[in-house]
Amino acid sequence: MPSSPVTLVNVLKIESGSCQELVSLLRHNIENVICGLPGWKGTRLIATIDGHSVVIYSEWETLAAVEAMRAAPRMQAYFPRIRALASIDSMAGEEVFVQNP
């Protein structure tokens, strides 16, 4: 039986008040780096209405794929730029309950 996909949730608290700049940077990263990495299944960006936080919700095939993404040199190049705009809190896990209408 295949393992469940891993959900990676990153909450970015914007320090500079530049939500649009952060979203643009993240989107560029997803379109040009993340989408080409092995094990990536999809990503959503969610910006709070007040513009103070952005949530990155992404699915990966395995935890090893998440760790490989974090270690990838092209990804490493984005971290300082992201951290210049926001603090990052990250967690990886598996879905344990889903309810839809």
PDB file of N, CA and C in Angstrom:
ATOM      1  N   MET A   1       0.837  -1.192   0.000  1.00  0.00           N
ATOM      2  CA  MET A   1       0.000   0.000   0.000  1.00  0.00           C
ATOM      3  C   MET A   1       0.882   1.257   0.000  1.00  0.00           C
ATOM      4  N   PRO A   2       0.671   2.192  -0.937  1.00  0.00           N
ATOM      5  CA  PRO A   2       1.497   3.402  -0.958  1.00  0.00           C
ATOM      6  C   PRO A   2       1.227   4.278   0.255  1.00  0.00           C
ATOM      7  N   SER A   3       2.255   4.997   0.669  1.00  0.00           N
ATOM      8  CA  SER A   3       2.083   5.888   1.819  1.00  0.00           C
ATOM      9  C   SER A   3       1.255   7.106   1.417  1.00  0.00           C
ATOM     10  N   SER A   4       0.679   7.761   2.419  1.00  0.00           N
ATOM     11  CA  SER A   4      -0.107   8.965   2.184  1.00  0.00           C
ATOM     12  C   SER A   4       0.800  10.092   1.733  1.00  0.00           C
ATOM     13  N   PRO A   5       0.273  10.989   0.903  1.00  0.00           N
ATOM     14  CA  PRO A   5       1.083  12.165   0.551  1.00  0.00           C
ATOM     15  C   PRO A   5       1.396  12.978   1.808  1.00  0.00           C
ATOM     16  N   VAL A   6       2.478  13.704   1.746  1.00  0.00           N
ATOM     17  CA  VAL A   6       2.873  14.576   2.846  1.00  0.00           C
ATOM     18  C   VAL A   6       2.392  15.980   2.524  1.00  0.00           C
ATOM     19  N   THR A   7       1.728  16.593   3.493  1.00  0.00           N
ATOM     20  CA  THR A   7       1.294  17.976   3.346  1.00  0.00           C
ATOM     21  C   THR A   7       2.292  18.864   4.073  1.00  0.00           C
ATOM     22  N   LEU A   8       2.783  19.862   3.356  1.00  0.00           N
ATOM     23  CA  LEU A   8       3.721  20.821   3.931  1.00  0.00           C
ATOM     24  C   LEU A   8       2.995  22.148   4.060  1.00  0.00           C
ATOM     25  N   VAL A   9       2.956  22.676   5.279  1.00  0.00           N
ATOM     26  CA  VAL A   9       2.300  23.955   5.531  1.00  0.00           C
ATOM     27  C   VAL A   9       3.343  24.917   6.080  1.00  0.00           C
ATOM     28  N   ASN A  10       3.504  26.032   5.382  1.00  0.00           N
ATOM     29  CA  ASN A  10       4.399  27.099   5.824  1.00  0.00           C
ATOM     30  C   ASN A  10       3.562  28.340   6.071  1.00  0.00           C
ATOM     31  N   VAL A  11       3.722  28.927   7.247  1.00  0.00           N
ATOM     32  CA  VAL A  11       3.047  30.183   7.561  1.00  0.00           C
ATOM     33  C   VAL A  11       4.118  31.263   7.601  1.00  0.00           C
ATOM     34  N   LEU A  12       3.964  32.238   6.722  1.00  0.00           N
ATOM     35  CA  LEU A  12       4.925  33.328   6.620  1.00  0.00           C
ATOM     36  C   LEU A  12       4.299  34.588   7.183  1.00  0.00           C
ATOM     37  N   LYS A  13       4.895  35.129   8.214  1.00  0.00           N
ATOM     38  CA  LYS A  13       4.448  36.379   8.832  1.00  0.00           C
ATOM     39  C   LYS A  13       5.246  37.516   8.222  1.00  0.00           C
ATOM     40  N   ILE A  14       4.544  38.413   7.588  1.00  0.00           N
ATOM     41  CA  ILE A  14       5.190  39.469   6.827  1.00  0.00           C
ATOM     42  C   ILE A  14       5.651  40.581   7.752  1.00  0.00           C
ATOM     43  N   GLU A  15       6.947  40.868   7.681  1.00  0.00           N
ATOM     44  CA  GLU A  15       7.539  41.884   8.540  1.00  0.00           C
ATOM     45  C   GLU A  15       7.575  43.251   7.860  1.00  0.00           C
ATOM     46  N   SER A  16       7.697  43.253   6.550  1.00  0.00           N
ATOM     47  CA  SER A  16       7.884  44.512   5.834  1.00  0.00           C
ATOM     48  C   SER A  16       6.584  45.122   5.322  1.00  0.00           C
ATOM     49  N   GLY A  17       5.461  44.420   5.483  1.00  0.00           N
ATOM     50  CA  GLY A  17       4.197  44.926   4.976  1.00  0.00           C
ATOM     51  C   GLY A  17       4.052  44.787   3.474  1.00  0.00           C
ATOM     52  N   SER A  18       4.894  43.974   2.859  1.00  0.00           N
ATOM     53  CA  SER A  18       4.894  43.841   1.409  1.00  0.00           C
ATOM     54  C   SER A  18       4.356  42.479   0.986  1.00  0.00           C
ATOM     55  N   CYS A  19       3.072  42.283   1.194  1.00  0.00           N
ATOM     56  CA  CYS A  19       2.437  41.005   0.871  1.00  0.00           C
ATOM     57  C   CYS A  19       2.547  40.697  -0.615  1.00  0.00           C
ATOM     58  N   GLN A  20       2.269  41.667  -1.460  1.00  0.00           N
ATOM     59  CA  GLN A  20       2.285  41.413  -2.901  1.00  0.00           C
ATOM     60  C   GLN A  20       3.681  41.034  -3.384  1.00  0.00           C
ATOM     61  N   GLU A  21       4.707  41.674  -2.847  1.00  0.00           N
ATOM     62  CA  GLU A  21       6.080  41.331  -3.222  1.00  0.00           C
ATOM     63  C   GLU A  21       6.408  39.894  -2.827  1.00  0.00           C
ATOM     64  N   LEU A  22       5.989  39.499  -1.618  1.00  0.00           N
ATOM     65  CA  LEU A  22       6.223  38.139  -1.153  1.00  0.00           C
ATOM     66  C   LEU A  22       5.471  37.135  -2.014  1.00  0.00           C
ATOM     67  N   VAL A  23       4.203  37.391  -2.301  1.00  0.00           N
ATOM     68  CA  VAL A  23       3.412  36.481  -3.135  1.00  0.00           C
ATOM     69  C   VAL A  23       4.043  36.342  -4.520  1.00  0.00           C
ATOM     70  N   SER A  24       4.501  37.433  -5.092  1.00  0.00           N
ATOM     71  CA  SER A  24       5.156  37.380  -6.399  1.00  0.00           C
ATOM     72  C   SER A  24       6.414  36.527  -6.354  1.00  0.00           C
ATOM     73  N   LEU A  25       7.225  36.689  -5.314  1.00  0.00           N
ATOM     74  CA  LEU A  25       8.440  35.902  -5.158  1.00  0.00           C
ATOM     75  C   LEU A  25       8.108  34.420  -5.000  1.00  0.00           C
ATOM     76  N   LEU A  26       7.134  34.115  -4.155  1.00  0.00           N
ATOM     77  CA  LEU A  26       6.745  32.726  -3.942  1.00  0.00           C
ATOM     78  C   LEU A  26       6.199  32.105  -5.219  1.00  0.00           C
ATOM     79  N   ARG A  27       5.374  32.841  -5.922  1.00  0.00           N
ATOM     80  CA  ARG A  27       4.804  32.325  -7.167  1.00  0.00           C
ATOM     81  C   ARG A  27       5.905  32.041  -8.193  1.00  0.00           C
ATOM     82  N   HIS A  28       6.856  32.949  -8.318  1.00  0.00           N
ATOM     83  CA  HIS A  28       7.981  32.739  -9.231  1.00  0.00           C
ATOM     84  C   HIS A  28       8.750  31.484  -8.838  1.00  0.00           C
ATOM     85  N   ASN A  29       8.984  31.311  -7.559  1.00  0.00           N
ATOM     86  CA  ASN A  29       9.684  30.134  -7.058  1.00  0.00           C
ATOM     87  C   ASN A  29       8.922  28.856  -7.393  1.00  0.00           C
ATOM     88  N   ILE A  30       7.619  28.864  -7.177  1.00  0.00           N
ATOM     89  CA  ILE A  30       6.806  27.676  -7.464  1.00  0.00           C
ATOM     90  C   ILE A  30       6.845  27.353  -8.957  1.00  0.00           C
ATOM     91  N   GLU A  31       6.659  28.368  -9.783  1.00  0.00           N
ATOM     92  CA  GLU A  31       6.585  28.165 -11.237  1.00  0.00           C
ATOM     93  C   GLU A  31       7.930  27.789 -11.857  1.00  0.00           C
ATOM     94  N   ASN A  32       9.037  28.212 -11.253  1.00  0.00           N
ATOM     95  CA  ASN A  32      10.346  28.015 -11.861  1.00  0.00           C
ATOM     96  C   ASN A  32      11.259  27.029 -11.149  1.00  0.00           C
ATOM     97  N   VAL A  33      10.957  26.686  -9.907  1.00  0.00           N
ATOM     98  CA  VAL A  33      11.804  25.760  -9.164  1.00  0.00           C
ATOM     99  C   VAL A  33      10.988  24.576  -8.651  1.00  0.00           C
ATOM    100  N   ILE A  34      10.021  24.858  -7.805  1.00  0.00           N
ATOM    101  CA  ILE A  34       9.268  23.806  -7.118  1.00  0.00           C
ATOM    102  C   ILE A  34       8.607  22.835  -8.091  1.00  0.00           C
ATOM    103  N   CYS A  35       7.942  23.361  -9.114  1.00  0.00           N
ATOM    104  CA  CYS A  35       7.163  22.494  -9.999  1.00  0.00           C
ATOM    105  C   CYS A  35       8.029  21.480 -10.751  1.00  0.00           C
ATOM    106  N   GLY A  36       9.317  21.688 -10.811  1.00  0.00           N
ATOM    107  CA  GLY A  36      10.197  20.746 -11.491  1.00  0.00           C
ATOM    108  C   GLY A  36      10.874  19.750 -10.568  1.00  0.00           C
ATOM    109  N   LEU A  37      10.589  19.823  -9.288  1.00  0.00           N
ATOM    110  CA  LEU A  37      11.255  18.932  -8.341  1.00  0.00           C
ATOM    111  C   LEU A  37      10.512  17.604  -8.216  1.00  0.00           C
ATOM    112  N   PRO A  38      11.257  16.507  -8.063  1.00  0.00           N
ATOM    113  CA  PRO A  38      10.629  15.199  -7.914  1.00  0.00           C
ATOM    114  C   PRO A  38       9.762  15.139  -6.657  1.00  0.00           C
ATOM    115  N   GLY A  39       8.607  14.531  -6.788  1.00  0.00           N
ATOM    116  CA  GLY A  39       7.722  14.320  -5.651  1.00  0.00           C
ATOM    117  C   GLY A  39       6.729  15.423  -5.391  1.00  0.00           C
ATOM    118  N   TRP A  40       6.818  16.542  -6.086  1.00  0.00           N
ATOM    119  CA  TRP A  40       5.878  17.650  -5.886  1.00  0.00           C
ATOM    120  C   TRP A  40       4.546  17.315  -6.520  1.00  0.00           C
ATOM    121  N   LYS A  41       3.455  17.561  -5.805  1.00  0.00           N
ATOM    122  CA  LYS A  41       2.113  17.258  -6.303  1.00  0.00           C
ATOM    123  C   LYS A  41       1.254  18.498  -6.527  1.00  0.00           C
ATOM    124  N   GLY A  42       1.540  19.585  -5.835  1.00  0.00           N
ATOM    125  CA  GLY A  42       0.764  20.806  -6.007  1.00  0.00           C
ATOM    126  C   GLY A  42       0.959  21.765  -4.851  1.00  0.00           C
ATOM    127  N   THR A  43       0.679  23.049  -5.110  1.00  0.00           N
ATOM    128  CA  THR A  43       0.849  24.093  -4.098  1.00  0.00           C
ATOM    129  C   THR A  43      -0.256  25.124  -4.228  1.00  0.00           C
ATOM    130  N   ARG A  44      -0.708  25.627  -3.078  1.00  0.00           N
ATOM    131  CA  ARG A  44      -1.639  26.752  -3.011  1.00  0.00           C
ATOM    132  C   ARG A  44      -1.009  27.832  -2.143  1.00  0.00           C
ATOM    133  N   LEU A  45      -1.198  29.072  -2.560  1.00  0.00           N
ATOM    134  CA  LEU A  45      -0.806  30.222  -1.736  1.00  0.00           C
ATOM    135  C   LEU A  45      -2.079  30.875  -1.226  1.00  0.00           C
ATOM    136  N   ILE A  46      -2.109  31.173   0.056  1.00  0.00           N
ATOM    137  CA  ILE A  46      -3.267  31.804   0.680  1.00  0.00           C
ATOM    138  C   ILE A  46      -2.772  33.037   1.426  1.00  0.00           C
ATOM    139  N   ALA A  47      -3.250  34.201   1.021  1.00  0.00           N
ATOM    140  CA  ALA A  47      -2.868  35.452   1.691  1.00  0.00           C
ATOM    141  C   ALA A  47      -4.005  35.876   2.609  1.00  0.00           C
ATOM    142  N   THR A  48      -3.663  36.271   3.822  1.00  0.00           N
ATOM    143  CA  THR A  48      -4.694  36.756   4.726  1.00  0.00           C
ATOM    144  C   THR A  48      -5.248  38.074   4.197  1.00  0.00           C
ATOM    145  N   ILE A  49      -6.482  38.330   4.524  1.00  0.00           N
ATOM    146  CA  ILE A  49      -7.152  39.534   4.047  1.00  0.00           C
ATOM    147  C   ILE A  49      -6.435  40.792   4.530  1.00  0.00           C
ATOM    148  N   ASP A  50      -5.875  40.735   5.734  1.00  0.00           N
ATOM    149  CA  ASP A  50      -5.183  41.920   6.263  1.00  0.00           C
ATOM    150  C   ASP A  50      -3.774  42.095   5.687  1.00  0.00           C
ATOM    151  N   GLY A  51      -3.302  41.118   4.891  1.00  0.00           N
ATOM    152  CA  GLY A  51      -2.002  41.238   4.251  1.00  0.00           C
ATOM    153  C   GLY A  51      -0.812  41.005   5.162  1.00  0.00           C
ATOM    154  N   HIS A  52      -1.028  40.411   6.328  1.00  0.00           N
ATOM    155  CA  HIS A  52       0.063  40.222   7.284  1.00  0.00           C
ATOM    156  C   HIS A  52       0.665  38.827   7.257  1.00  0.00           C
ATOM    157  N   SER A  53       0.007  37.892   6.550  1.00  0.00           N
ATOM    158  CA  SER A  53       0.511  36.521   6.496  1.00  0.00           C
ATOM    159  C   SER A  53       0.196  35.898   5.144  1.00  0.00           C
ATOM    160  N   VAL A  54       1.051  34.947   4.771  1.00  0.00           N
ATOM    161  CA  VAL A  54       0.805  34.113   3.598  1.00  0.00           C
ATOM    162  C   VAL A  54       1.030  32.672   4.034  1.00  0.00           C
ATOM    163  N   VAL A  55       0.117  31.809   3.628  1.00  0.00           N
ATOM    164  CA  VAL A  55       0.241  30.385   3.907  1.00  0.00           C
ATOM    165  C   VAL A  55       0.576  29.675   2.601  1.00  0.00           C
ATOM    166  N   ILE A  56       1.594  28.828   2.661  1.00  0.00           N
ATOM    167  CA  ILE A  56       1.925  27.962   1.535  1.00  0.00           C
ATOM    168  C   ILE A  56       1.456  26.564   1.924  1.00  0.00           C
ATOM    169  N   TYR A  57       0.537  26.022   1.152  1.00  0.00           N
ATOM    170  CA  TYR A  57      -0.009  24.689   1.394  1.00  0.00           C
ATOM    171  C   TYR A  57       0.390  23.832   0.199  1.00  0.00           C
ATOM    172  N   SER A  58       1.254  22.857   0.412  1.00  0.00           N
ATOM    173  CA  SER A  58       1.685  22.040  -0.717  1.00  0.00           C
ATOM    174  C   SER A  58       1.666  20.561  -0.362  1.00  0.00           C
ATOM    175  N   GLU A  59       1.510  19.751  -1.395  1.00  0.00           N
ATOM    176  CA  GLU A  59       1.508  18.304  -1.223  1.00  0.00           C
ATOM    177  C   GLU A  59       2.707  17.715  -1.943  1.00  0.00           C
ATOM    178  N   TRP A  60       3.300  16.734  -1.281  1.00  0.00           N
ATOM    179  CA  TRP A  60       4.479  16.036  -1.778  1.00  0.00           C
ATOM    180  C   TRP A  60       4.245  14.541  -1.654  1.00  0.00           C
ATOM    181  N   GLU A  61       4.904  13.771  -2.487  1.00  0.00           N
ATOM    182  CA  GLU A  61       4.729  12.320  -2.450  1.00  0.00           C
ATOM    183  C   GLU A  61       5.239  11.717  -1.142  1.00  0.00           C
ATOM    184  N   THR A  62       6.371  12.221  -0.641  1.00  0.00           N
ATOM    185  CA  THR A  62       7.004  11.659   0.557  1.00  0.00           C
ATOM    186  C   THR A  62       7.698  12.753   1.357  1.00  0.00           C
ATOM    187  N   LEU A  63       8.016  12.434   2.599  1.00  0.00           N
ATOM    188  CA  LEU A  63       8.800  13.354   3.420  1.00  0.00           C
ATOM    189  C   LEU A  63      10.207  13.511   2.831  1.00  0.00           C
ATOM    190  N   ALA A  64      10.749  12.457   2.239  1.00  0.00           N
ATOM    191  CA  ALA A  64      12.068  12.551   1.607  1.00  0.00           C
ATOM    192  C   ALA A  64      12.051  13.571   0.467  1.00  0.00           C
ATOM    193  N   ALA A  65      10.942  13.664  -0.254  1.00  0.00           N
ATOM    194  CA  ALA A  65      10.828  14.657  -1.333  1.00  0.00           C
ATOM    195  C   ALA A  65      10.837  16.073  -0.755  1.00  0.00           C
ATOM    196  N   VAL A  66      10.185  16.275   0.388  1.00  0.00           N
ATOM    197  CA  VAL A  66      10.191  17.581   1.059  1.00  0.00           C
ATOM    198  C   VAL A  66      11.616  17.937   1.478  1.00  0.00           C
ATOM    199  N   GLU A  67      12.307  16.989   2.075  1.00  0.00           N
ATOM    200  CA  GLU A  67      13.674  17.240   2.531  1.00  0.00           C
ATOM    201  C   GLU A  67      14.604  17.522   1.358  1.00  0.00           C
ATOM    202  N   ALA A  68      14.420  16.810   0.246  1.00  0.00           N
ATOM    203  CA  ALA A  68      15.237  17.054  -0.946  1.00  0.00           C
ATOM    204  C   ALA A  68      14.955  18.447  -1.510  1.00  0.00           C
ATOM    205  N   MET A  69      13.696  18.872  -1.495  1.00  0.00           N
ATOM    206  CA  MET A  69      13.346  20.223  -1.954  1.00  0.00           C
ATOM    207  C   MET A  69      14.055  21.262  -1.108  1.00  0.00           C
ATOM    208  N   ARG A  70      14.007  21.096   0.196  1.00  0.00           N
ATOM    209  CA  ARG A  70      14.638  22.070   1.091  1.00  0.00           C
ATOM    210  C   ARG A  70      16.149  22.152   0.882  1.00  0.00           C
ATOM    211  N   ALA A  71      16.759  21.051   0.472  1.00  0.00           N
ATOM    212  CA  ALA A  71      18.209  21.002   0.284  1.00  0.00           C
ATOM    213  C   ALA A  71      18.642  21.379  -1.130  1.00  0.00           C
ATOM    214  N   ALA A  72      17.710  21.481  -2.060  1.00  0.00           N
ATOM    215  CA  ALA A  72      18.054  21.770  -3.455  1.00  0.00           C
ATOM    216  C   ALA A  72      18.717  23.148  -3.562  1.00  0.00           C
ATOM    217  N   PRO A  73      19.835  23.250  -4.276  1.00  0.00           N
ATOM    218  CA  PRO A  73      20.540  24.531  -4.389  1.00  0.00           C
ATOM    219  C   PRO A  73      19.668  25.660  -4.928  1.00  0.00           C
ATOM    220  N   ARG A  74      18.833  25.390  -5.919  1.00  0.00           N
ATOM    221  CA  ARG A  74      17.979  26.450  -6.463  1.00  0.00           C
ATOM    222  C   ARG A  74      16.966  26.914  -5.416  1.00  0.00           C
ATOM    223  N   MET A  75      16.521  26.004  -4.570  1.00  0.00           N
ATOM    224  CA  MET A  75      15.595  26.385  -3.498  1.00  0.00           C
ATOM    225  C   MET A  75      16.335  27.176  -2.423  1.00  0.00           C
ATOM    226  N   GLN A  76      17.521  26.726  -2.083  1.00  0.00           N
ATOM    227  CA  GLN A  76      18.336  27.414  -1.084  1.00  0.00           C
ATOM    228  C   GLN A  76      18.571  28.872  -1.456  1.00  0.00           C
ATOM    229  N   ALA A  77      18.659  29.153  -2.750  1.00  0.00           N
ATOM    230  CA  ALA A  77      18.877  30.526  -3.209  1.00  0.00           C
ATOM    231  C   ALA A  77      17.689  31.429  -2.892  1.00  0.00           C
ATOM    232  N   TYR A  78      16.497  30.862  -2.758  1.00  0.00           N
ATOM    233  CA  TYR A  78      15.304  31.668  -2.455  1.00  0.00           C
ATOM    234  C   TYR A  78      15.151  31.977  -0.967  1.00  0.00           C
ATOM    235  N   PHE A  79      15.656  31.118  -0.105  1.00  0.00           N
ATOM    236  CA  PHE A  79      15.414  31.295   1.331  1.00  0.00           C
ATOM    237  C   PHE A  79      15.817  32.660   1.870  1.00  0.00           C
ATOM    238  N   PRO A  80      16.999  33.191   1.551  1.00  0.00           N
ATOM    239  CA  PRO A  80      17.347  34.523   2.086  1.00  0.00           C
ATOM    240  C   PRO A  80      16.388  35.615   1.602  1.00  0.00           C
ATOM    241  N   ARG A  81      15.947  35.522   0.364  1.00  0.00           N
ATOM    242  CA  ARG A  81      15.022  36.523  -0.179  1.00  0.00           C
ATOM    243  C   ARG A  81      13.665  36.439   0.517  1.00  0.00           C
ATOM    244  N   ILE A  82      13.222  35.217   0.782  1.00  0.00           N
ATOM    245  CA  ILE A  82      11.945  35.040   1.481  1.00  0.00           C
ATOM    246  C   ILE A  82      12.066  35.540   2.914  1.00  0.00           C
ATOM    247  N   ARG A  83      13.156  35.155   3.594  1.00  0.00           N
ATOM    248  CA  ARG A  83      13.350  35.567   4.997  1.00  0.00           C
ATOM    249  C   ARG A  83      13.537  37.072   5.153  1.00  0.00           C
ATOM    250  N   ALA A  84      13.953  37.745   4.097  1.00  0.00           N
ATOM    251  CA  ALA A  84      14.076  39.205   4.149  1.00  0.00           C
ATOM    252  C   ALA A  84      12.702  39.863   4.204  1.00  0.00           C
ATOM    253  N   LEU A  85      11.680  39.157   3.761  1.00  0.00           N
ATOM    254  CA  LEU A  85      10.327  39.710   3.744  1.00  0.00           C
ATOM    255  C   LEU A  85       9.437  39.171   4.856  1.00  0.00           C
ATOM    256  N   ALA A  86       9.752  37.964   5.364  1.00  0.00           N
ATOM    257  CA  ALA A  86       8.834  37.338   6.328  1.00  0.00           C
ATOM    258  C   ALA A  86       9.555  36.307   7.182  1.00  0.00           C
ATOM    259  N   SER A  87       9.003  36.042   8.354  1.00  0.00           N
ATOM    260  CA  SER A  87       9.459  34.920   9.161  1.00  0.00           C
ATOM    261  C   SER A  87       8.671  33.689   8.713  1.00  0.00           C
ATOM    262  N   ILE A  88       9.262  32.510   8.906  1.00  0.00           N
ATOM    263  CA  ILE A  88       8.653  31.281   8.403  1.00  0.00           C
ATOM    264  C   ILE A  88       8.475  30.286   9.544  1.00  0.00           C
ATOM    265  N   ASP A  89       7.263  29.733   9.638  1.00  0.00           N
ATOM    266  CA  ASP A  89       6.974  28.626  10.544  1.00  0.00           C
ATOM    267  C   ASP A  89       6.495  27.482   9.656  1.00  0.00           C
ATOM    268  N   SER A  90       7.110  26.318   9.776  1.00  0.00           N
ATOM    269  CA  SER A  90       6.855  25.223   8.852  1.00  0.00           C
ATOM    270  C   SER A  90       6.509  23.943   9.587  1.00  0.00           C
ATOM    271  N   MET A  91       5.608  23.150   8.985  1.00  0.00           N
ATOM    272  CA  MET A  91       5.303  21.825   9.514  1.00  0.00           C
ATOM    273  C   MET A  91       4.923  20.905   8.369  1.00  0.00           C
ATOM    274  N   ALA A  92       5.288  19.639   8.522  1.00  0.00           N
ATOM    275  CA  ALA A  92       4.920  18.615   7.544  1.00  0.00           C
ATOM    276  C   ALA A  92       4.108  17.550   8.266  1.00  0.00           C
ATOM    277  N   GLY A  93       3.088  17.042   7.600  1.00  0.00           N
ATOM    278  CA  GLY A  93       2.263  16.012   8.209  1.00  0.00           C
ATOM    279  C   GLY A  93       1.426  15.288   7.179  1.00  0.00           C
ATOM    280  N   GLU A  94       0.619  14.355   7.670  1.00  0.00           N
ATOM    281  CA  GLU A  94      -0.301  13.608   6.827  1.00  0.00           C
ATOM    282  C   GLU A  94      -1.719  13.924   7.238  1.00  0.00           C
ATOM    283  N   GLU A  95      -2.623  13.954   6.263  1.00  0.00           N
ATOM    284  CA  GLU A  95      -4.027  14.189   6.580  1.00  0.00           C
ATOM    285  C   GLU A  95      -4.542  13.041   7.446  1.00  0.00           C
ATOM    286  N   VAL A  96      -5.272  13.397   8.490  1.00  0.00           N
ATOM    287  CA  VAL A  96      -5.846  12.371   9.362  1.00  0.00           C
ATOM    288  C   VAL A  96      -7.370  12.421   9.339  1.00  0.00           C
ATOM    289  N   PHE A  97      -7.949  13.491   8.773  1.00  0.00           N
ATOM    290  CA  PHE A  97      -9.393  13.573   8.658  1.00  0.00           C
ATOM    291  C   PHE A  97      -9.734  14.604   7.596  1.00  0.00           C
ATOM    292  N   VAL A  98     -10.676  14.278   6.732  1.00  0.00           N
ATOM    293  CA  VAL A  98     -11.173  15.185   5.716  1.00  0.00           C
ATOM    294  C   VAL A  98     -12.688  15.021   5.659  1.00  0.00           C
ATOM    295  N   GLN A  99     -13.394  16.127   5.616  1.00  0.00           N
ATOM    296  CA  GLN A  99     -14.853  16.087   5.421  1.00  0.00           C
ATOM    297  C   GLN A  99     -15.219  17.112   4.370  1.00  0.00           C
ATOM    298  N   ASN A 100     -15.944  16.677   3.382  1.00  0.00           N
ATOM    299  CA  ASN A 100     -16.436  17.561   2.339  1.00  0.00           C
ATOM    300  C   ASN A 100     -17.956  17.480   2.307  1.00  0.00           C
ATOM    301  N   PRO A 101     -18.601  18.494   1.734  1.00  0.00           N
ATOM    302  CA  PRO A 101     -20.071  18.435   1.680  1.00  0.00           C
ATOM    303  C   PRO A 101     -20.567  17.278   0.838  1.00  0.00           C
TER     304      PRO A 101
END
